[in-house]
């Protein structure tokens, strides 16, 4: 069975509404400034309201040489986020720029 191409994977993804994602980590819909249904900025009021909370933890995934199958920083980052959520942690990921493979049909931004 052949592997799906990047564009097939991207088109097959089901995105959750951003309000649902925000709700999972305690950000109400009033504190989200939506850009469509799947992106939003968090209001300054919400950011100010959590300043007294304990700090979270940051895991930075950088400078990984991808495997021959193409697994690198993005795959590792998404896997960490999924794994931490699976064990009950409130984890979110932020990716500066995803692979351009779905746009150009090839792997990696440099390609």
C-alpha atoms as a PDB file:
ATOM      1  CA  UNK A   1       0.000   0.000   0.000  1.00  0.00           C
ATOM      2  CA  UNK A   2       1.631   3.295  -1.046  1.00  0.00           C
ATOM      3  CA  UNK A   3       2.030   6.151   1.415  1.00  0.00           C
ATOM      4  CA  UNK A   4      -0.249   9.165   1.053  1.00  0.00           C
ATOM      5  CA  UNK A   5       1.340  12.288  -0.375  1.00  0.00           C
ATOM      6  CA  UNK A   6       1.668  15.407   1.783  1.00  0.00           C
ATOM      7  CA  UNK A   7      -1.209  17.091  -0.029  1.00  0.00           C
ATOM      8  CA  UNK A   8      -3.477  14.054   0.474  1.00  0.00           C
ATOM      9  CA  UNK A   9      -2.721  14.102   4.199  1.00  0.00           C
ATOM     10  CA  UNK A  10      -3.290  17.871   4.431  1.00  0.00           C
ATOM     11  CA  UNK A  11      -6.605  17.716   2.573  1.00  0.00           C
ATOM     12  CA  UNK A  12      -7.774  14.786   4.709  1.00  0.00           C
ATOM     13  CA  UNK A  13      -7.158  16.576   8.014  1.00  0.00           C
ATOM     14  CA  UNK A  14     -10.220  17.461  10.073  1.00  0.00           C
ATOM     15  CA  UNK A  15      -9.640  20.704  11.960  1.00  0.00           C
ATOM     16  CA  UNK A  16     -11.445  21.397  15.207  1.00  0.00           C
ATOM     17  CA  UNK A  17     -13.076  24.797  15.671  1.00  0.00           C
ATOM     18  CA  UNK A  18     -10.685  27.163  17.455  1.00  0.00           C
ATOM     19  CA  UNK A  19     -13.311  27.834  20.162  1.00  0.00           C
ATOM     20  CA  UNK A  20     -13.285  24.112  21.020  1.00  0.00           C
ATOM     21  CA  UNK A  21      -9.489  24.036  21.179  1.00  0.00           C
ATOM     22  CA  UNK A  22      -9.396  27.171  23.352  1.00  0.00           C
ATOM     23  CA  UNK A  23     -12.017  25.701  25.670  1.00  0.00           C
ATOM     24  CA  UNK A  24      -9.842  22.640  26.313  1.00  0.00           C
ATOM     25  CA  UNK A  25      -7.166  24.842  27.881  1.00  0.00           C
ATOM     26  CA  UNK A  26      -9.482  27.292  29.611  1.00  0.00           C
ATOM     27  CA  UNK A  27      -9.674  30.092  27.052  1.00  0.00           C
ATOM     28  CA  UNK A  28     -13.304  31.138  26.618  1.00  0.00           C
ATOM     29  CA  UNK A  29     -14.806  32.231  23.319  1.00  0.00           C
ATOM     30  CA  UNK A  30     -15.011  35.832  24.593  1.00  0.00           C
ATOM     31  CA  UNK A  31     -11.212  35.853  24.891  1.00  0.00           C
ATOM     32  CA  UNK A  32     -10.560  34.613  21.347  1.00  0.00           C
ATOM     33  CA  UNK A  33     -10.319  36.988  18.412  1.00  0.00           C
ATOM     34  CA  UNK A  34     -11.086  34.629  15.507  1.00  0.00           C
ATOM     35  CA  UNK A  35      -9.503  34.623  12.071  1.00  0.00           C
ATOM     36  CA  UNK A  36     -11.831  32.190  10.334  1.00  0.00           C
ATOM     37  CA  UNK A  37     -12.913  29.019  12.135  1.00  0.00           C
ATOM     38  CA  UNK A  38      -9.525  27.497  12.938  1.00  0.00           C
ATOM     39  CA  UNK A  39      -7.251  30.411  13.918  1.00  0.00           C
ATOM     40  CA  UNK A  40      -7.482  33.106  16.571  1.00  0.00           C
ATOM     41  CA  UNK A  41      -5.518  35.562  18.638  1.00  0.00           C
ATOM     42  CA  UNK A  42      -5.893  35.494  22.414  1.00  0.00           C
ATOM     43  CA  UNK A  43      -7.163  38.760  23.912  1.00  0.00           C
ATOM     44  CA  UNK A  44      -4.838  40.914  25.985  1.00  0.00           C
ATOM     45  CA  UNK A  45      -7.427  40.775  28.769  1.00  0.00           C
ATOM     46  CA  UNK A  46      -7.041  37.001  29.030  1.00  0.00           C
ATOM     47  CA  UNK A  47      -3.261  37.241  28.985  1.00  0.00           C
ATOM     48  CA  UNK A  48      -3.403  39.842  31.781  1.00  0.00           C
ATOM     49  CA  UNK A  49      -5.794  37.655  33.805  1.00  0.00           C
ATOM     50  CA  UNK A  50      -3.372  34.702  33.947  1.00  0.00           C
ATOM     51  CA  UNK A  51      -0.222  36.641  34.840  1.00  0.00           C
ATOM     52  CA  UNK A  52      -0.439  35.477  38.472  1.00  0.00           C
ATOM     53  CA  UNK A  53      -0.693  31.787  37.520  1.00  0.00           C
ATOM     54  CA  UNK A  54       2.235  29.425  37.899  1.00  0.00           C
ATOM     55  CA  UNK A  55       4.425  29.281  34.803  1.00  0.00           C
ATOM     56  CA  UNK A  56       4.066  26.378  32.438  1.00  0.00           C
ATOM     57  CA  UNK A  57       6.872  24.428  30.840  1.00  0.00           C
ATOM     58  CA  UNK A  58       8.374  24.933  27.405  1.00  0.00           C
ATOM     59  CA  UNK A  59       9.847  22.180  25.260  1.00  0.00           C
ATOM     60  CA  UNK A  60      11.786  23.549  22.313  1.00  0.00           C
ATOM     61  CA  UNK A  61      12.299  21.125  19.419  1.00  0.00           C
ATOM     62  CA  UNK A  62      15.053  22.359  17.124  1.00  0.00           C
ATOM     63  CA  UNK A  63      17.984  21.286  14.960  1.00  0.00           C
ATOM     64  CA  UNK A  64      16.893  17.726  14.266  1.00  0.00           C
ATOM     65  CA  UNK A  65      18.139  15.943  11.169  1.00  0.00           C
ATOM     66  CA  UNK A  66      15.130  14.223   9.618  1.00  0.00           C
ATOM     67  CA  UNK A  67      15.029  10.472   9.209  1.00  0.00           C
ATOM     68  CA  UNK A  68      15.040   8.972   5.696  1.00  0.00           C
ATOM     69  CA  UNK A  69      11.220   8.849   5.967  1.00  0.00           C
ATOM     70  CA  UNK A  70      11.126  12.606   6.580  1.00  0.00           C
ATOM     71  CA  UNK A  71      10.294  12.634  10.289  1.00  0.00           C
ATOM     72  CA  UNK A  72      11.880  15.701  11.826  1.00  0.00           C
ATOM     73  CA  UNK A  73      10.969  18.688  13.991  1.00  0.00           C
ATOM     74  CA  UNK A  74       7.307  18.984  13.022  1.00  0.00           C
ATOM     75  CA  UNK A  75       6.593  15.270  13.445  1.00  0.00           C
ATOM     76  CA  UNK A  76       8.419  15.231  16.783  1.00  0.00           C
ATOM     77  CA  UNK A  77       6.608  18.356  18.002  1.00  0.00           C
ATOM     78  CA  UNK A  78       3.146  17.088  17.058  1.00  0.00           C
ATOM     79  CA  UNK A  79       3.950  13.696  18.599  1.00  0.00           C
ATOM     80  CA  UNK A  80       5.029  15.333  21.871  1.00  0.00           C
ATOM     81  CA  UNK A  81       1.853  17.413  21.992  1.00  0.00           C
ATOM     82  CA  UNK A  82      -0.373  14.418  21.274  1.00  0.00           C
ATOM     83  CA  UNK A  83       1.495  12.248  23.782  1.00  0.00           C
ATOM     84  CA  UNK A  84       1.329  14.811  26.583  1.00  0.00           C
ATOM     85  CA  UNK A  85      -2.402  15.313  25.999  1.00  0.00           C
ATOM     86  CA  UNK A  86      -2.918  11.550  25.959  1.00  0.00           C
ATOM     87  CA  UNK A  87      -1.431  11.240  29.474  1.00  0.00           C
ATOM     88  CA  UNK A  88      -3.661  14.019  30.785  1.00  0.00           C
ATOM     89  CA  UNK A  89      -1.435  17.101  30.513  1.00  0.00           C
ATOM     90  CA  UNK A  90      -2.785  20.358  29.084  1.00  0.00           C
ATOM     91  CA  UNK A  91      -0.386  20.674  26.185  1.00  0.00           C
ATOM     92  CA  UNK A  92      -0.473  22.882  23.106  1.00  0.00           C
ATOM     93  CA  UNK A  93       2.010  23.176  20.290  1.00  0.00           C
ATOM     94  CA  UNK A  94       3.068  26.141  18.238  1.00  0.00           C
ATOM     95  CA  UNK A  95       4.813  25.641  14.925  1.00  0.00           C
ATOM     96  CA  UNK A  96       6.401  28.694  13.333  1.00  0.00           C
ATOM     97  CA  UNK A  97       6.127  27.386   9.805  1.00  0.00           C
ATOM     98  CA  UNK A  98       4.916  23.959   8.829  1.00  0.00           C
ATOM     99  CA  UNK A  99       6.435  21.979   5.980  1.00  0.00           C
ATOM    100  CA  UNK A 100       5.789  23.452   2.555  1.00  0.00           C
ATOM    101  CA  UNK A 101       5.260  19.935   1.209  1.00  0.00           C
ATOM    102  CA  UNK A 102       1.461  20.278   1.054  1.00  0.00           C
ATOM    103  CA  UNK A 103       1.872  23.461  -0.997  1.00  0.00           C
ATOM    104  CA  UNK A 104       4.577  22.367  -3.398  1.00  0.00           C
ATOM    105  CA  UNK A 105       4.303  18.562  -3.278  1.00  0.00           C
ATOM    106  CA  UNK A 106       7.788  18.114  -1.812  1.00  0.00           C
ATOM    107  CA  UNK A 107       9.271  17.848   1.653  1.00  0.00           C
ATOM    108  CA  UNK A 108      10.861  20.686   3.591  1.00  0.00           C
ATOM    109  CA  UNK A 109      10.731  24.448   3.391  1.00  0.00           C
ATOM    110  CA  UNK A 110      14.121  24.666   1.677  1.00  0.00           C
ATOM    111  CA  UNK A 111      12.964  22.412  -1.165  1.00  0.00           C
END
